[in-house]
Amino acid sequence: MQPRRITVFDTTLRDGEQSIGLAFAPDEKVAIARSLEKLGVDVIEAGFPVSSEGELAGVRAVAESVRGPVIAAMARPAQQDLDAAAAALEAAARSRVHIVLATSDLHLERKLQLSRAEAVELARWSVGYASERFDEVEFCCEDASRSEPSFLAEICGAAIDAGATVINLPDTVGFAVPDQYGALLREVRALCPALESVTVAVHCHDDLGLATANTLAGIAAGAGQFECTMNGLGERAGNAALEEIVAALVAHRDELGVETGINPAGLAAASRLVAELSGYPLSPHKPVVGTNAGQDAPPRT
């Protein structure tokens, strides 16, 4: 059977940049983006343009310099965010906006002070507004792993009706375990048949050390895109690591029936560049790209 081709969405320049004390200069963003392009990444999330003029300039520099991958920018469901993202991505060969809106009751009540009905209408409006300004629209259900599946189905359906081409169901706070996360994706897909017409994405954080395992569980449950960073860079305990997921998919290609466009031979060079420019050195024991990885231990005397 022909392996299923899955999209690799790298967010080193956005979610990875949320690591404490880290802010990439525009030329550093371009250098990393070119490395990711050479590696074979399909989508590069270049930043969060509305957050600062410097961030907007960095996203714009990537959009102007990197022509192969889709270039994405994050936005909240607000006109100023969407307009800033559109301005930053104006020169992109192909643009995507990544709209993030919380869907768990905890986040809706405590962070956004929105009802479920208000969130659905905000999703519908923001995706509709974005559909006229970007080539692709990705809608993210922030904190999906702690959201009610029936509500996820409702808001995903509204976003798809409004023009979303990708639906992201993330484990935002690294709360899930693999069986639970895979089951959530299967349940939401069953409750929302419209998801079969778009790409379902997974985006996992590593707070419990399960980001790679949860990503693989999501892929096994039918996800067509996984989101990741080089070296697992990111806020708190970081994101799912691109190199770990790719290596696992190569090692278990027959069981999972999935392939990517990533050239594994380029992982080490991309990893070293991100470590150098971020100032976050790799542990020797880092899977796949650490100096100890894949090497036999010396004999004991």
C-alpha atoms as a PDB file:
ATOM      1  CA  MET A   1       0.000   0.000   0.000  1.00  0.00           C
ATOM      2  CA  GLN A   2       1.250   3.481  -0.881  1.00  0.00           C
ATOM      3  CA  PRO A   3       2.211   5.417   2.290  1.00  0.00           C
ATOM      4  CA  ARG A   4       0.060   8.380   3.203  1.00  0.00           C
ATOM      5  CA  ARG A   5       1.898  11.697   2.715  1.00  0.00           C
ATOM      6  CA  ILE A   6       1.607  13.925   5.776  1.00  0.00           C
ATOM      7  CA  THR A   7       2.290  17.665   5.983  1.00  0.00           C
ATOM      8  CA  VAL A   8       5.104  18.917   8.225  1.00  0.00           C
ATOM      9  CA  PHE A   9       4.315  22.298   9.803  1.00  0.00           C
ATOM     10  CA  ASP A  10       7.322  23.779  11.584  1.00  0.00           C
ATOM     11  CA  THR A  11       6.740  26.480  14.205  1.00  0.00           C
ATOM     12  CA  THR A  12      10.288  26.994  15.464  1.00  0.00           C
ATOM     13  CA  LEU A  13      10.062  30.667  14.475  1.00  0.00           C
ATOM     14  CA  ARG A  14       6.767  31.245  16.320  1.00  0.00           C
ATOM     15  CA  ASP A  15       6.042  28.742  19.081  1.00  0.00           C
ATOM     16  CA  GLY A  16       9.727  27.926  19.472  1.00  0.00           C
ATOM     17  CA  GLU A  17      10.480  31.627  19.782  1.00  0.00           C
ATOM     18  CA  GLN A  18       8.232  31.711  22.856  1.00  0.00           C
ATOM     19  CA  SER A  19      11.056  30.087  24.817  1.00  0.00           C
ATOM     20  CA  ILE A  20      12.151  32.271  27.725  1.00  0.00           C
ATOM     21  CA  GLY A  21      14.556  35.008  26.650  1.00  0.00           C
ATOM     22  CA  LEU A  22      14.406  34.197  22.939  1.00  0.00           C
ATOM     23  CA  ALA A  23      13.714  36.628  20.104  1.00  0.00           C
ATOM     24  CA  PHE A  24      15.062  35.889  16.618  1.00  0.00           C
ATOM     25  CA  ALA A  25      16.227  38.836  14.532  1.00  0.00           C
ATOM     26  CA  PRO A  26      14.821  38.963  10.964  1.00  0.00           C
ATOM     27  CA  ASP A  27      18.064  37.676   9.425  1.00  0.00           C
ATOM     28  CA  GLU A  28      18.116  34.800  11.914  1.00  0.00           C
ATOM     29  CA  LYS A  29      14.533  33.908  11.011  1.00  0.00           C
ATOM     30  CA  VAL A  30      15.505  33.866   7.344  1.00  0.00           C
ATOM     31  CA  ALA A  31      18.536  31.651   7.995  1.00  0.00           C
ATOM     32  CA  ILE A  32      16.467  29.117   9.943  1.00  0.00           C
ATOM     33  CA  ALA A  33      13.628  29.235   7.394  1.00  0.00           C
ATOM     34  CA  ARG A  34      16.058  28.508   4.555  1.00  0.00           C
ATOM     35  CA  SER A  35      17.428  25.579   6.527  1.00  0.00           C
ATOM     36  CA  LEU A  36      13.896  24.254   7.052  1.00  0.00           C
ATOM     37  CA  GLU A  37      13.142  24.697   3.346  1.00  0.00           C
ATOM     38  CA  LYS A  38      16.247  22.678   2.466  1.00  0.00           C
ATOM     39  CA  LEU A  39      15.169  20.028   4.967  1.00  0.00           C
ATOM     40  CA  GLY A  40      11.822  19.616   3.187  1.00  0.00           C
ATOM     41  CA  VAL A  41       9.377  21.285   5.592  1.00  0.00           C
ATOM     42  CA  ASP A  42       5.995  21.961   3.960  1.00  0.00           C
ATOM     43  CA  VAL A  43       4.772  24.889   6.083  1.00  0.00           C
ATOM     44  CA  ILE A  44       6.875  27.372   8.056  1.00  0.00           C
ATOM     45  CA  GLU A  45       5.093  29.392  10.721  1.00  0.00           C
ATOM     46  CA  ALA A  46       7.267  32.502  10.724  1.00  0.00           C
ATOM     47  CA  GLY A  47       5.836  34.381  13.710  1.00  0.00           C
ATOM     48  CA  PHE A  48       3.060  36.419  15.298  1.00  0.00           C
ATOM     49  CA  PRO A  49       3.115  39.718  13.357  1.00  0.00           C
ATOM     50  CA  VAL A  50       0.781  41.800  15.511  1.00  0.00           C
ATOM     51  CA  SER A  51       2.964  41.320  18.590  1.00  0.00           C
ATOM     52  CA  SER A  52       5.600  43.907  17.566  1.00  0.00           C
ATOM     53  CA  GLU A  53       7.037  45.795  14.613  1.00  0.00           C
ATOM     54  CA  GLY A  54      10.179  43.675  14.845  1.00  0.00           C
ATOM     55  CA  GLU A  55       8.155  40.469  14.670  1.00  0.00           C
ATOM     56  CA  LEU A  56       6.196  41.746  11.675  1.00  0.00           C
ATOM     57  CA  ALA A  57       9.497  42.607   9.963  1.00  0.00           C
ATOM     58  CA  GLY A  58      10.831  39.130  10.670  1.00  0.00           C
ATOM     59  CA  VAL A  59       7.773  37.405   9.210  1.00  0.00           C
ATOM     60  CA  ARG A  60       7.915  39.687   6.176  1.00  0.00           C
ATOM     61  CA  ALA A  61      11.617  38.866   5.662  1.00  0.00           C
ATOM     62  CA  VAL A  62      10.849  35.129   5.622  1.00  0.00           C
ATOM     63  CA  ALA A  63       7.916  35.629   3.225  1.00  0.00           C
ATOM     64  CA  GLU A  64      10.161  37.569   0.853  1.00  0.00           C
ATOM     65  CA  SER A  65      13.123  35.174   1.048  1.00  0.00           C
ATOM     66  CA  VAL A  66      11.713  31.634   1.139  1.00  0.00           C
ATOM     67  CA  ARG A  67       9.669  30.530  -1.862  1.00  0.00           C
ATOM     68  CA  GLY A  68       9.129  26.778  -1.562  1.00  0.00           C
ATOM     69  CA  PRO A  69       7.122  26.135   1.623  1.00  0.00           C
ATOM     70  CA  VAL A  70       3.844  27.776   2.557  1.00  0.00           C
ATOM     71  CA  ILE A  71       4.606  30.662   4.928  1.00  0.00           C
ATOM     72  CA  ALA A  72       2.218  31.000   7.865  1.00  0.00           C
ATOM     73  CA  ALA A  73       1.614  33.594  10.554  1.00  0.00           C
ATOM     74  CA  MET A  74      -0.341  33.291  13.767  1.00  0.00           C
ATOM     75  CA  ALA A  75      -3.277  35.554  14.614  1.00  0.00           C
ATOM     76  CA  ARG A  76      -5.986  35.797  17.205  1.00  0.00           C
ATOM     77  CA  PRO A  77      -9.552  36.148  15.853  1.00  0.00           C
ATOM     78  CA  ALA A  78      -9.279  39.941  15.744  1.00  0.00           C
ATOM     79  CA  GLN A  79      -9.143  42.277  12.764  1.00  0.00           C
ATOM     80  CA  GLN A  80      -5.896  43.949  13.824  1.00  0.00           C
ATOM     81  CA  ASP A  81      -4.173  40.560  14.132  1.00  0.00           C
ATOM     82  CA  LEU A  82      -5.452  39.367  10.761  1.00  0.00           C
ATOM     83  CA  ASP A  83      -4.535  42.618   9.025  1.00  0.00           C
ATOM     84  CA  ALA A  84      -1.008  42.509  10.492  1.00  0.00           C
ATOM     85  CA  ALA A  85      -0.585  38.915   9.327  1.00  0.00           C
ATOM     86  CA  ALA A  86      -1.804  39.819   5.837  1.00  0.00           C
ATOM     87  CA  ALA A  87       0.662  42.727   5.643  1.00  0.00           C
ATOM     88  CA  ALA A  88       3.539  40.512   6.790  1.00  0.00           C
ATOM     89  CA  LEU A  89       2.714  37.743   4.291  1.00  0.00           C
ATOM     90  CA  GLU A  90       1.980  39.969   1.305  1.00  0.00           C
ATOM     91  CA  ALA A  91       5.094  38.788  -0.565  1.00  0.00           C
ATOM     92  CA  ALA A  92       4.692  35.075   0.241  1.00  0.00           C
ATOM     93  CA  ALA A  93       4.509  32.672  -2.675  1.00  0.00           C
ATOM     94  CA  ARG A  94       1.690  30.978  -0.747  1.00  0.00           C
ATOM     95  CA  SER A  95       0.300  32.332   2.521  1.00  0.00           C
ATOM     96  CA  ARG A  96      -1.518  30.802   5.474  1.00  0.00           C
ATOM     97  CA  VAL A  97      -2.951  32.410   8.575  1.00  0.00           C
ATOM     98  CA  HIS A  98      -3.153  30.311  11.740  1.00  0.00           C
ATOM     99  CA  ILE A  99      -6.114  31.594  13.779  1.00  0.00           C
ATOM    100  CA  VAL A 100      -5.995  30.514  17.420  1.00  0.00           C
ATOM    101  CA  LEU A 101      -9.103  30.550  19.615  1.00  0.00           C
ATOM    102  CA  ALA A 102      -9.537  28.711  22.919  1.00  0.00           C
ATOM    103  CA  THR A 103     -12.293  26.096  23.053  1.00  0.00           C
ATOM    104  CA  SER A 104     -12.046  24.571  26.529  1.00  0.00           C
ATOM    105  CA  ASP A 105     -14.572  25.864  29.050  1.00  0.00           C
ATOM    106  CA  LEU A 106     -11.692  26.713  31.371  1.00  0.00           C
ATOM    107  CA  HIS A 107     -10.026  28.997  28.819  1.00  0.00           C
ATOM    108  CA  LEU A 108     -13.299  30.458  27.548  1.00  0.00           C
ATOM    109  CA  GLU A 109     -14.447  31.408  31.029  1.00  0.00           C
ATOM    110  CA  ARG A 110     -11.187  32.360  32.746  1.00  0.00           C
ATOM    111  CA  LYS A 111      -9.099  33.796  29.895  1.00  0.00           C
ATOM    112  CA  LEU A 112     -11.504  35.097  27.248  1.00  0.00           C
ATOM    113  CA  GLN A 113     -14.781  35.619  29.145  1.00  0.00           C
ATOM    114  CA  LEU A 114     -16.690  34.212  26.182  1.00  0.00           C
ATOM    115  CA  SER A 115     -19.646  31.863  25.976  1.00  0.00           C
ATOM    116  CA  ARG A 116     -19.524  28.874  23.664  1.00  0.00           C
ATOM    117  CA  ALA A 117     -22.002  30.564  21.327  1.00  0.00           C
ATOM    118  CA  GLU A 118     -19.854  33.704  21.178  1.00  0.00           C
ATOM    119  CA  ALA A 119     -16.772  31.610  20.412  1.00  0.00           C
ATOM    120  CA  VAL A 120     -18.534  29.882  17.515  1.00  0.00           C
ATOM    121  CA  GLU A 121     -19.561  33.210  15.999  1.00  0.00           C
ATOM    122  CA  LEU A 122     -16.049  34.596  16.466  1.00  0.00           C
ATOM    123  CA  ALA A 123     -14.624  31.550  14.707  1.00  0.00           C
ATOM    124  CA  ARG A 124     -17.082  31.938  11.852  1.00  0.00           C
ATOM    125  CA  TRP A 125     -16.368  35.671  11.441  1.00  0.00           C
ATOM    126  CA  SER A 126     -12.577  35.460  11.681  1.00  0.00           C
ATOM    127  CA  VAL A 127     -12.237  32.560   9.241  1.00  0.00           C
ATOM    128  CA  GLY A 128     -14.572  34.282   6.777  1.00  0.00           C
ATOM    129  CA  TYR A 129     -12.578  37.517   7.036  1.00  0.00           C
ATOM    130  CA  ALA A 130      -9.291  35.646   6.607  1.00  0.00           C
ATOM    131  CA  SER A 131     -10.490  33.575   3.651  1.00  0.00           C
ATOM    132  CA  GLU A 132     -10.494  36.707   1.501  1.00  0.00           C
ATOM    133  CA  ARG A 133      -6.929  37.658   2.473  1.00  0.00           C
ATOM    134  CA  PHE A 134      -4.864  34.453   2.584  1.00  0.00           C
ATOM    135  CA  ASP A 135      -4.357  31.439   0.341  1.00  0.00           C
ATOM    136  CA  GLU A 136      -5.005  29.061   3.238  1.00  0.00           C
ATOM    137  CA  VAL A 137      -6.739  29.395   6.607  1.00  0.00           C
ATOM    138  CA  GLU A 138      -5.906  27.158   9.554  1.00  0.00           C
ATOM    139  CA  PHE A 139      -8.225  27.297  12.555  1.00  0.00           C
ATOM    140  CA  CYS A 140      -6.799  26.183  15.890  1.00  0.00           C
ATOM    141  CA  CYS A 141      -8.972  25.004  18.798  1.00  0.00           C
ATOM    142  CA  GLU A 142      -6.620  26.034  21.603  1.00  0.00           C
ATOM    143  CA  ASP A 143      -6.677  23.601  24.549  1.00  0.00           C
ATOM    144  CA  ALA A 144      -8.583  21.074  22.455  1.00  0.00           C
ATOM    145  CA  SER A 145      -7.406  18.170  24.611  1.00  0.00           C
ATOM    146  CA  ARG A 146      -9.394  19.622  27.543  1.00  0.00           C
ATOM    147  CA  SER A 147     -12.413  20.657  25.437  1.00  0.00           C
ATOM    148  CA  GLU A 148     -15.793  18.960  25.171  1.00  0.00           C
ATOM    149  CA  PRO A 149     -15.772  16.824  21.980  1.00  0.00           C
ATOM    150  CA  SER A 150     -19.297  17.848  20.984  1.00  0.00           C
ATOM    151  CA  PHE A 151     -18.352  21.524  21.207  1.00  0.00           C
ATOM    152  CA  LEU A 152     -15.161  20.905  19.239  1.00  0.00           C
ATOM    153  CA  ALA A 153     -17.302  19.330  16.528  1.00  0.00           C
ATOM    154  CA  GLU A 154     -19.632  22.341  16.519  1.00  0.00           C
ATOM    155  CA  ILE A 155     -16.923  25.002  16.280  1.00  0.00           C
ATOM    156  CA  CYS A 156     -14.897  23.006  13.739  1.00  0.00           C
ATOM    157  CA  GLY A 157     -17.985  22.720  11.564  1.00  0.00           C
ATOM    158  CA  ALA A 158     -18.537  26.484  11.749  1.00  0.00           C
ATOM    159  CA  ALA A 159     -14.892  27.184  10.837  1.00  0.00           C
ATOM    160  CA  ILE A 160     -15.017  24.787   7.886  1.00  0.00           C
ATOM    161  CA  ASP A 161     -18.265  26.315   6.643  1.00  0.00           C
ATOM    162  CA  ALA A 162     -16.563  29.721   6.740  1.00  0.00           C
ATOM    163  CA  GLY A 163     -13.614  28.522   4.668  1.00  0.00           C
ATOM    164  CA  ALA A 164     -11.007  26.901   6.941  1.00  0.00           C
ATOM    165  CA  THR A 165      -8.772  24.466   5.053  1.00  0.00           C
ATOM    166  CA  VAL A 166      -6.917  23.079   8.094  1.00  0.00           C
ATOM    167  CA  ILE A 167      -8.281  22.354  11.584  1.00  0.00           C
ATOM    168  CA  ASN A 168      -5.764  22.102  14.411  1.00  0.00           C
ATOM    169  CA  LEU A 169      -6.723  20.112  17.529  1.00  0.00           C
ATOM    170  CA  PRO A 170      -3.761  20.739  19.849  1.00  0.00           C
ATOM    171  CA  ASP A 171      -2.681  19.434  23.223  1.00  0.00           C
ATOM    172  CA  THR A 172      -1.832  23.002  24.200  1.00  0.00           C
ATOM    173  CA  VAL A 173      -0.733  22.422  27.774  1.00  0.00           C
ATOM    174  CA  GLY A 174       0.788  18.964  27.335  1.00  0.00           C
ATOM    175  CA  PHE A 175      -2.016  17.388  29.345  1.00  0.00           C
ATOM    176  CA  ALA A 176      -2.987  14.362  27.254  1.00  0.00           C
ATOM    177  CA  VAL A 177      -1.665  10.817  27.135  1.00  0.00           C
ATOM    178  CA  PRO A 178      -1.469   9.037  23.744  1.00  0.00           C
ATOM    179  CA  ASP A 179      -4.542   6.791  24.012  1.00  0.00           C
ATOM    180  CA  GLN A 180      -6.640   9.715  25.211  1.00  0.00           C
ATOM    181  CA  TYR A 181      -5.427  12.059  22.487  1.00  0.00           C
ATOM    182  CA  GLY A 182      -5.944   9.550  19.687  1.00  0.00           C
ATOM    183  CA  ALA A 183      -9.424   8.776  20.994  1.00  0.00           C
ATOM    184  CA  LEU A 184     -10.287  12.496  21.060  1.00  0.00           C
ATOM    185  CA  LEU A 185      -9.368  12.929  17.408  1.00  0.00           C
ATOM    186  CA  ARG A 186     -11.392   9.889  16.406  1.00  0.00           C
ATOM    187  CA  GLU A 187     -14.422  11.070  18.358  1.00  0.00           C
ATOM    188  CA  VAL A 188     -14.354  14.607  16.974  1.00  0.00           C
ATOM    189  CA  ARG A 189     -13.934  13.312  13.421  1.00  0.00           C
ATOM    190  CA  ALA A 190     -16.957  11.049  13.937  1.00  0.00           C
ATOM    191  CA  LEU A 191     -19.028  13.919  15.359  1.00  0.00           C
ATOM    192  CA  CYS A 192     -18.018  16.357  12.602  1.00  0.00           C
ATOM    193  CA  PRO A 193     -18.114  14.660   9.164  1.00  0.00           C
ATOM    194  CA  ALA A 194     -16.974  17.938   7.552  1.00  0.00           C
ATOM    195  CA  LEU A 195     -13.487  17.250   8.928  1.00  0.00           C
ATOM    196  CA  GLU A 196     -13.080  14.627   6.223  1.00  0.00           C
ATOM    197  CA  SER A 197     -12.977  17.448   3.649  1.00  0.00           C
ATOM    198  CA  VAL A 198     -10.084  19.331   5.282  1.00  0.00           C
ATOM    199  CA  THR A 199      -6.700  18.577   6.852  1.00  0.00           C
ATOM    200  CA  VAL A 200      -6.724  17.747  10.554  1.00  0.00           C
ATOM    201  CA  ALA A 201      -3.569  18.867  12.368  1.00  0.00           C
ATOM    202  CA  VAL A 202      -1.986  17.875  15.682  1.00  0.00           C
ATOM    203  CA  HIS A 203       0.157  20.171  17.811  1.00  0.00           C
ATOM    204  CA  CYS A 204       1.532  18.752  21.054  1.00  0.00           C
ATOM    205  CA  HIS A 205       3.490  20.199  23.953  1.00  0.00           C
ATOM    206  CA  ASP A 206       5.945  18.255  26.083  1.00  0.00           C
ATOM    207  CA  ASP A 207       4.939  19.128  29.653  1.00  0.00           C
ATOM    208  CA  LEU A 208       4.639  15.427  30.552  1.00  0.00           C
ATOM    209  CA  GLY A 209       7.342  14.283  28.124  1.00  0.00           C
ATOM    210  CA  LEU A 210       4.699  12.863  25.771  1.00  0.00           C
ATOM    211  CA  ALA A 211       4.695  15.321  22.857  1.00  0.00           C
ATOM    212  CA  THR A 212       6.224  12.924  20.321  1.00  0.00           C
ATOM    213  CA  ALA A 213       4.100   9.993  21.524  1.00  0.00           C
ATOM    214  CA  ASN A 214       0.928  12.090  21.400  1.00  0.00           C
ATOM    215  CA  THR A 215       1.798  13.351  17.913  1.00  0.00           C
ATOM    216  CA  LEU A 216       2.236   9.785  16.676  1.00  0.00           C
ATOM    217  CA  ALA A 217      -1.093   8.836  18.281  1.00  0.00           C
ATOM    218  CA  GLY A 218      -2.739  11.729  16.449  1.00  0.00           C
ATOM    219  CA  ILE A 219      -1.200  10.654  13.163  1.00  0.00           C
ATOM    220  CA  ALA A 220      -2.418   7.091  13.739  1.00  0.00           C
ATOM    221  CA  ALA A 221      -5.890   8.555  14.349  1.00  0.00           C
ATOM    222  CA  GLY A 222      -5.872  10.130  10.894  1.00  0.00           C
ATOM    223  CA  ALA A 223      -4.225  13.538  11.256  1.00  0.00           C
ATOM    224  CA  GLY A 224      -2.850  14.850   7.966  1.00  0.00           C
ATOM    225  CA  GLN A 225      -0.480  17.431   9.452  1.00  0.00           C
ATOM    226  CA  PHE A 226       1.768  17.522  12.478  1.00  0.00           C
ATOM    227  CA  GLU A 227       3.194  20.670  14.045  1.00  0.00           C
ATOM    228  CA  CYS A 228       6.627  20.719  15.614  1.00  0.00           C
ATOM    229  CA  THR A 229       9.846  22.617  16.266  1.00  0.00           C
ATOM    230  CA  MET A 230      13.484  21.792  15.708  1.00  0.00           C
ATOM    231  CA  ASN A 231      15.049  20.446  18.916  1.00  0.00           C
ATOM    232  CA  GLY A 232      11.627  20.596  20.606  1.00  0.00           C
ATOM    233  CA  LEU A 233      12.174  24.314  21.220  1.00  0.00           C
ATOM    234  CA  GLY A 234       9.286  26.159  22.864  1.00  0.00           C
ATOM    235  CA  GLU A 235       7.690  27.606  25.975  1.00  0.00           C
ATOM    236  CA  ARG A 236       7.606  25.650  29.250  1.00  0.00           C
ATOM    237  CA  ALA A 237       8.854  22.126  28.409  1.00  0.00           C
ATOM    238  CA  GLY A 238       8.772  22.774  24.662  1.00  0.00           C
ATOM    239  CA  ASN A 239       6.992  21.360  21.621  1.00  0.00           C
ATOM    240  CA  ALA A 240       7.032  18.055  19.811  1.00  0.00           C
ATOM    241  CA  ALA A 241      10.467  17.760  18.173  1.00  0.00           C
ATOM    242  CA  LEU A 242      10.538  17.559  14.385  1.00  0.00           C
ATOM    243  CA  GLU A 243      13.566  15.262  14.367  1.00  0.00           C
ATOM    244  CA  GLU A 244      11.998  12.791  16.814  1.00  0.00           C
ATOM    245  CA  ILE A 245       8.729  12.511  14.899  1.00  0.00           C
ATOM    246  CA  VAL A 246      10.453  12.130  11.532  1.00  0.00           C
ATOM    247  CA  ALA A 247      12.811   9.478  12.874  1.00  0.00           C
ATOM    248  CA  ALA A 248       9.890   7.555  14.396  1.00  0.00           C
ATOM    249  CA  LEU A 249       7.926   7.721  11.134  1.00  0.00           C
ATOM    250  CA  VAL A 250      10.939   6.413   9.209  1.00  0.00           C
ATOM    251  CA  ALA A 251      11.561   3.618  11.727  1.00  0.00           C
ATOM    252  CA  HIS A 252       7.885   2.583  11.755  1.00  0.00           C
ATOM    253  CA  ARG A 253       6.968   3.362   8.163  1.00  0.00           C
ATOM    254  CA  ASP A 254       5.393  -0.037   7.554  1.00  0.00           C
ATOM    255  CA  GLU A 255       3.242   0.015  10.708  1.00  0.00           C
ATOM    256  CA  LEU A 256       2.087   3.629  10.434  1.00  0.00           C
ATOM    257  CA  GLY A 257       1.904   3.804   6.639  1.00  0.00           C
ATOM    258  CA  VAL A 258       2.963   7.462   6.676  1.00  0.00           C
ATOM    259  CA  GLU A 259       5.757   9.396   4.992  1.00  0.00           C
ATOM    260  CA  THR A 260       6.950  13.000   4.921  1.00  0.00           C
ATOM    261  CA  GLY A 261       8.984  15.114   2.522  1.00  0.00           C
ATOM    262  CA  ILE A 262      11.770  15.522   5.088  1.00  0.00           C
ATOM    263  CA  ASN A 263      15.324  14.507   4.181  1.00  0.00           C
ATOM    264  CA  PRO A 264      16.584  12.847   7.393  1.00  0.00           C
ATOM    265  CA  ALA A 265      20.188  13.464   6.341  1.00  0.00           C
ATOM    266  CA  GLY A 266      19.647  17.186   6.915  1.00  0.00           C
ATOM    267  CA  LEU A 267      18.344  16.937  10.478  1.00  0.00           C
ATOM    268  CA  ALA A 268      21.691  17.347  12.235  1.00  0.00           C
ATOM    269  CA  ALA A 269      22.635  20.528  10.355  1.00  0.00           C
ATOM    270  CA  ALA A 270      19.234  22.148  10.933  1.00  0.00           C
ATOM    271  CA  SER A 271      19.374  21.191  14.603  1.00  0.00           C
ATOM    272  CA  ARG A 272      22.820  22.723  15.064  1.00  0.00           C
ATOM    273  CA  LEU A 273      21.751  25.983  13.407  1.00  0.00           C
ATOM    274  CA  VAL A 274      18.697  26.348  15.647  1.00  0.00           C
ATOM    275  CA  ALA A 275      20.752  25.547  18.754  1.00  0.00           C
ATOM    276  CA  GLU A 276      23.349  28.151  17.790  1.00  0.00           C
ATOM    277  CA  LEU A 277      20.926  30.964  16.920  1.00  0.00           C
ATOM    278  CA  SER A 278      18.543  30.311  19.813  1.00  0.00           C
ATOM    279  CA  GLY A 279      21.235  30.027  22.456  1.00  0.00           C
ATOM    280  CA  TYR A 280      19.560  26.838  23.687  1.00  0.00           C
ATOM    281  CA  PRO A 281      22.285  24.143  23.576  1.00  0.00           C
ATOM    282  CA  LEU A 282      21.378  20.514  23.024  1.00  0.00           C
ATOM    283  CA  SER A 283      21.760  17.921  25.737  1.00  0.00           C
ATOM    284  CA  PRO A 284      24.120  15.129  24.650  1.00  0.00           C
ATOM    285  CA  HIS A 285      21.227  12.764  25.388  1.00  0.00           C
ATOM    286  CA  LYS A 286      18.745  14.581  23.123  1.00  0.00           C
ATOM    287  CA  PRO A 287      17.072  11.895  20.975  1.00  0.00           C
ATOM    288  CA  VAL A 288      18.124  11.700  17.325  1.00  0.00           C
ATOM    289  CA  VAL A 289      20.364  14.806  17.215  1.00  0.00           C
ATOM    290  CA  GLY A 290      22.241  14.730  20.549  1.00  0.00           C
ATOM    291  CA  THR A 291      25.936  13.851  20.394  1.00  0.00           C
ATOM    292  CA  ASN A 292      25.332  10.614  22.319  1.00  0.00           C
ATOM    293  CA  ALA A 293      22.356   9.542  20.202  1.00  0.00           C
ATOM    294  CA  GLY A 294      23.036   6.475  18.120  1.00  0.00           C
ATOM    295  CA  GLN A 295      26.494   5.933  19.565  1.00  0.00           C
ATOM    296  CA  ASP A 296      27.508   2.874  21.515  1.00  0.00           C
ATOM    297  CA  ALA A 297      28.682   3.476  25.054  1.00  0.00           C
ATOM    298  CA  PRO A 298      32.419   2.910  25.588  1.00  0.00           C
ATOM    299  CA  PRO A 299      33.316  -0.358  27.309  1.00  0.00           C
ATOM    300  CA  ARG A 300      33.548  -0.216  31.099  1.00  0.00           C
ATOM    301  CA  THR A 301      36.873  -0.965  32.686  1.00  0.00           C
END
